[in-house]
Amino acid sequence: MAISRAGVVLVLPPSRKLRALIAYLVLAPHAVTRNHLCELLWDRPSDPRGELRWCLSKARTLLDDAGRRRVLAVQETVQLDLHDCHVDVLTIEQALRRGVGRPGVRRLRALAALFDGDFLDGLQLKSCPVFDGWLVAQRRRVRACQATVLEQLAAGLPIESEERFGCLDQWLRIAPFDRRAHTAMLQSLNDLGRLREGEEHLAAAIRAFDDEGLDWRPLRDAWRQLRLAPAIPLSCR
């Protein structure tokens, strides 16, 4: 998690609860009740509302601009004013909703560069099962977004491009059991005539799928279909 203002990265407070609160409010689609925030971040503390007030006070110090409040607490609800703010996760989601393939390779590269490690890496909280559930779901959603961006970017790059293979490798790292990622890799290796590498990739994938009790036969069948298809010269692509 990082926050910057005018290109300067701000020093985040050490409180994990405060950082978790800010992250949750950033992604909340609408105002959130104080009761919900207390249930989210505090497991039966002595004074949850007092702790929430303290966190909101610290958040204002960090986020509010001169003459403008970004932390808005109105009666029983809290929300952030993100107008004219750039939030990487929201930027990626907006691009996906519009149709991620439309912006072209340059835009897809820019979106791919926004992913930097796991979502909120290292921000696990103790005894906060509601927040833990939310965090797991968000990480799964962000990884799915990253897979989509990498898939579309790889599809837009020349088949002989090392950048294309880099995209496929990264896609496989975040989604090692995604059959589409393996099929795309096999397709690329086959198109370039790198058949030995294709066989080795397939064998490794079969072992991994088998260890997890997953069906690897669609991968084998996809490779067989690729090998049976007539070769197409690269100049015709």
Protein backbone atom coordinates (compact mmCIF):
# COMPACT_ATOMS: atom_id res chain seq x y z
CA MET A 1 0.00 0.00 0.00
CA ALA A 2 1.34 3.42 -0.96
CA ILE A 3 -0.13 6.94 -0.97
CA SER A 4 1.45 9.90 -2.72
CA ARG A 5 0.62 13.57 -3.09
CA ALA A 6 2.07 15.68 -5.92
CA GLY A 7 4.51 12.88 -6.69
CA VAL A 8 5.78 12.62 -3.12
CA VAL A 9 5.20 9.30 -1.35
CA LEU A 10 3.69 9.86 2.08
CA VAL A 11 4.93 8.07 5.18
CA LEU A 12 2.19 5.67 6.23
CA PRO A 13 1.35 5.34 9.93
CA PRO A 14 2.43 2.09 11.60
CA SER A 15 -1.13 1.19 12.62
CA ARG A 16 -2.34 -1.76 10.52
CA LYS A 17 -5.93 -1.01 11.49
CA LEU A 18 -5.62 2.53 10.13
CA ARG A 19 -4.15 1.33 6.82
CA ALA A 20 -6.83 -1.34 6.56
CA LEU A 21 -9.53 1.26 7.21
CA ILE A 22 -8.21 3.55 4.47
CA ALA A 23 -7.94 0.69 1.97
CA TYR A 24 -11.47 -0.48 2.70
CA LEU A 25 -12.94 3.02 2.35
CA VAL A 26 -11.04 3.62 -0.91
CA LEU A 27 -12.70 0.60 -2.51
CA ALA A 28 -16.12 1.01 -0.91
CA PRO A 29 -18.65 1.95 -3.63
CA HIS A 30 -20.72 4.02 -1.20
CA ALA A 31 -20.72 5.38 2.34
CA VAL A 32 -20.15 2.79 5.08
CA THR A 33 -21.80 2.80 8.50
CA ARG A 34 -19.70 3.18 11.61
CA ASN A 35 -21.18 -0.06 12.98
CA HIS A 36 -19.98 -1.96 9.92
CA LEU A 37 -16.47 -0.52 10.23
CA CYS A 38 -16.37 -1.50 13.90
CA GLU A 39 -17.42 -5.07 13.07
CA LEU A 40 -14.90 -5.15 10.22
CA LEU A 41 -11.82 -4.11 12.16
CA TRP A 42 -12.37 -4.77 15.83
CA ASP A 43 -13.19 -8.08 17.45
CA ARG A 44 -15.00 -7.15 20.67
CA PRO A 45 -12.67 -4.31 21.82
CA SER A 46 -13.55 -2.32 24.93
CA ASP A 47 -14.37 0.82 22.93
CA PRO A 48 -14.67 0.15 19.18
CA ARG A 49 -16.23 3.51 18.40
CA GLY A 50 -13.45 5.29 20.26
CA GLU A 51 -10.83 3.39 18.28
CA LEU A 52 -12.66 4.18 15.05
CA ARG A 53 -12.72 7.90 15.91
CA TRP A 54 -8.97 7.78 16.57
CA CYS A 55 -8.34 6.09 13.21
CA LEU A 56 -10.52 8.60 11.36
CA SER A 57 -8.64 11.46 13.01
CA LYS A 58 -5.32 10.02 11.86
CA ALA A 59 -6.75 9.38 8.39
CA ARG A 60 -7.76 13.04 8.11
CA THR A 61 -4.24 14.12 8.98
CA LEU A 62 -2.90 11.88 6.22
CA LEU A 63 -5.49 12.38 3.47
CA ASP A 64 -7.17 15.77 3.85
CA ASP A 65 -5.87 18.59 1.65
CA ALA A 66 -5.59 22.21 2.67
CA GLY A 67 -9.12 23.59 2.62
CA ARG A 68 -10.61 20.28 1.50
CA ARG A 69 -11.77 17.31 3.49
CA ARG A 70 -11.42 13.89 1.92
CA VAL A 71 -12.50 11.89 4.99
CA LEU A 72 -16.21 12.58 5.26
CA ALA A 73 -17.96 11.41 8.42
CA VAL A 74 -21.63 12.39 8.41
CA GLN A 75 -23.61 11.18 11.42
CA GLU A 76 -23.44 7.37 11.22
CA THR A 77 -21.67 6.98 7.86
CA VAL A 78 -18.10 7.40 6.62
CA GLN A 79 -16.72 7.72 3.10
CA LEU A 80 -13.76 9.17 1.19
CA ASP A 81 -13.92 11.94 -1.39
CA LEU A 82 -11.72 10.52 -4.18
CA HIS A 83 -12.55 13.15 -6.78
CA ASP A 84 -9.41 13.92 -8.86
CA CYS A 85 -7.51 11.12 -7.09
CA HIS A 86 -5.84 8.25 -8.96
CA VAL A 87 -6.42 4.81 -7.43
CA ASP A 88 -4.63 2.05 -9.32
CA VAL A 89 -7.16 -0.70 -8.54
CA LEU A 90 -10.09 1.48 -9.59
CA THR A 91 -8.30 2.56 -12.77
CA ILE A 92 -7.77 -1.08 -13.74
CA GLU A 93 -11.39 -2.01 -13.00
CA GLN A 94 -12.71 0.92 -15.06
CA ALA A 95 -10.56 -0.13 -18.01
CA LEU A 96 -11.87 -3.68 -17.77
CA ARG A 97 -15.47 -2.53 -17.68
CA ARG A 98 -14.92 -0.47 -20.83
CA GLY A 99 -13.28 -3.38 -22.62
CA VAL A 100 -9.64 -3.89 -21.82
CA GLY A 101 -8.63 -4.86 -25.36
CA ARG A 102 -9.75 -1.56 -26.87
CA PRO A 103 -6.97 0.76 -25.64
CA GLY A 104 -4.27 -1.15 -27.52
CA VAL A 105 -0.88 -2.49 -26.51
CA ARG A 106 0.45 0.77 -25.07
CA ARG A 107 -2.49 1.17 -22.69
CA LEU A 108 -2.40 -2.49 -21.74
CA ARG A 109 1.30 -2.17 -20.90
CA ALA A 110 0.49 0.77 -18.64
CA LEU A 111 -2.24 -1.22 -16.89
CA ALA A 112 0.04 -4.24 -16.46
CA ALA A 113 2.68 -2.01 -14.84
CA LEU A 114 0.19 -0.99 -12.11
CA PHE A 115 0.30 -4.49 -10.62
CA ASP A 116 3.07 -4.75 -8.05
CA GLY A 117 2.85 -7.82 -5.85
CA ASP A 118 -0.20 -9.11 -4.04
CA PHE A 119 -3.01 -6.72 -3.14
CA LEU A 120 -2.29 -5.11 0.28
CA ASP A 121 0.61 -7.48 0.79
CA GLY A 122 1.49 -7.89 4.47
CA LEU A 123 -1.66 -6.23 5.82
CA GLN A 124 -3.18 -9.23 7.57
CA LEU A 125 -4.87 -8.37 10.86
CA LYS A 126 -5.20 -10.50 13.98
CA SER A 127 -8.67 -11.58 15.08
CA CYS A 128 -10.50 -9.73 12.30
CA PRO A 129 -12.33 -12.49 10.39
CA VAL A 130 -14.65 -10.09 8.53
CA PHE A 131 -11.73 -8.07 7.20
CA ASP A 132 -9.80 -11.25 6.39
CA GLY A 133 -12.73 -12.48 4.29
CA TRP A 134 -12.91 -9.16 2.46
CA LEU A 135 -9.14 -9.16 1.85
CA VAL A 136 -9.15 -12.69 0.42
CA ALA A 137 -11.98 -11.77 -1.95
CA GLN A 138 -10.22 -8.57 -3.07
CA ARG A 139 -6.96 -10.39 -3.72
CA ARG A 140 -8.78 -12.97 -5.81
CA ARG A 141 -10.54 -10.22 -7.76
CA VAL A 142 -7.33 -8.26 -8.39
CA ARG A 143 -5.49 -11.39 -9.53
CA ALA A 144 -8.34 -12.07 -11.96
CA CYS A 145 -8.01 -8.52 -13.30
CA GLN A 146 -4.27 -8.97 -13.71
CA ALA A 147 -4.79 -12.25 -15.57
CA THR A 148 -7.20 -10.54 -17.96
CA VAL A 149 -4.78 -7.69 -18.66
CA LEU A 150 -1.89 -10.09 -19.26
CA GLU A 151 -4.03 -12.29 -21.51
CA GLN A 152 -5.10 -9.35 -23.66
CA LEU A 153 -1.60 -7.88 -23.77
CA ALA A 154 -0.04 -11.19 -24.81
CA ALA A 155 -2.66 -11.56 -27.55
CA GLY A 156 -1.72 -8.15 -28.95
CA LEU A 157 2.04 -8.79 -29.11
CA PRO A 158 3.95 -10.50 -31.95
CA ILE A 159 4.12 -14.26 -31.38
CA GLU A 160 7.92 -14.24 -31.55
CA SER A 161 8.17 -11.42 -28.98
CA GLU A 162 9.96 -12.15 -25.71
CA GLU A 163 7.58 -9.67 -24.11
CA ARG A 164 4.74 -11.97 -25.11
CA PHE A 165 6.40 -14.91 -23.36
CA GLY A 166 7.04 -12.68 -20.35
CA CYS A 167 3.31 -11.90 -20.16
CA LEU A 168 2.43 -15.59 -20.41
CA ASP A 169 4.99 -16.52 -17.73
CA GLN A 170 3.59 -13.88 -15.38
CA TRP A 171 0.03 -15.02 -16.08
CA LEU A 172 1.00 -18.58 -15.19
CA ARG A 173 2.68 -17.43 -11.98
CA ILE A 174 -0.47 -15.76 -10.67
CA ALA A 175 -2.84 -18.42 -12.08
CA PRO A 176 -0.88 -21.68 -12.27
CA PHE A 177 -3.99 -23.79 -12.88
CA ASP A 178 -5.67 -21.57 -15.47
CA ARG A 179 -6.07 -23.77 -18.54
CA ARG A 180 -6.34 -20.73 -20.80
CA ALA A 181 -2.87 -19.58 -19.73
CA HIS A 182 -1.34 -22.98 -20.40
CA THR A 183 -3.11 -23.26 -23.75
CA ALA A 184 -1.85 -19.81 -24.77
CA MET A 185 1.70 -20.81 -23.85
CA LEU A 186 1.41 -24.07 -25.79
CA GLN A 187 -0.02 -22.17 -28.75
CA SER A 188 2.93 -19.75 -28.76
CA LEU A 189 5.53 -22.50 -28.49
CA ASN A 190 3.86 -24.47 -31.25
CA ASP A 191 3.60 -21.44 -33.54
CA LEU A 192 7.34 -20.86 -33.20
CA GLY A 193 8.21 -24.51 -33.73
CA ARG A 194 9.58 -24.85 -30.21
CA LEU A 195 8.05 -28.28 -29.90
CA ARG A 196 10.43 -29.69 -27.32
CA GLU A 197 9.65 -26.78 -25.00
CA GLY A 198 5.97 -27.38 -25.63
CA GLU A 199 6.29 -31.02 -24.64
CA GLU A 200 8.24 -30.07 -21.52
CA HIS A 201 5.68 -27.42 -20.55
CA LEU A 202 2.84 -29.88 -21.03
CA ALA A 203 4.58 -32.53 -18.93
CA ALA A 204 5.22 -30.09 -16.10
CA ALA A 205 1.62 -28.85 -16.23
CA ILE A 206 0.27 -32.42 -16.12
CA ARG A 207 2.34 -33.16 -13.02
CA ALA A 208 1.15 -29.99 -11.30
CA PHE A 209 -2.50 -30.58 -12.17
CA ASP A 210 -2.27 -34.22 -11.12
CA ASP A 211 -0.76 -33.27 -7.74
CA GLU A 212 -3.79 -31.05 -7.11
CA GLY A 213 -6.28 -33.64 -8.32
CA LEU A 214 -7.24 -31.49 -11.31
CA ASP A 215 -8.16 -32.69 -14.77
CA TRP A 216 -5.18 -32.19 -17.09
CA ARG A 217 -6.68 -33.97 -20.10
CA PRO A 218 -7.98 -30.76 -21.76
CA LEU A 219 -4.37 -29.51 -21.87
CA ARG A 220 -3.17 -32.71 -23.49
CA ASP A 221 -6.02 -32.55 -26.01
CA ALA A 222 -5.27 -28.91 -26.80
CA TRP A 223 -1.63 -29.74 -27.49
CA ARG A 224 -2.64 -32.62 -29.76
CA GLN A 225 -4.95 -30.34 -31.72
CA LEU A 226 -2.18 -27.79 -32.12
CA ARG A 227 0.22 -30.43 -33.38
CA LEU A 228 -2.33 -31.75 -35.89
CA ALA A 229 -3.14 -28.30 -37.30
CA PRO A 230 -1.23 -27.30 -40.44
CA ALA A 231 1.72 -25.01 -39.85
CA ILE A 232 1.20 -21.38 -40.85
CA PRO A 233 4.29 -19.34 -41.85
CA LEU A 234 5.03 -16.48 -39.48
CA SER A 235 4.97 -14.04 -42.37
CA CYS A 236 1.26 -14.78 -42.86
CA ARG A 237 0.33 -13.85 -39.28
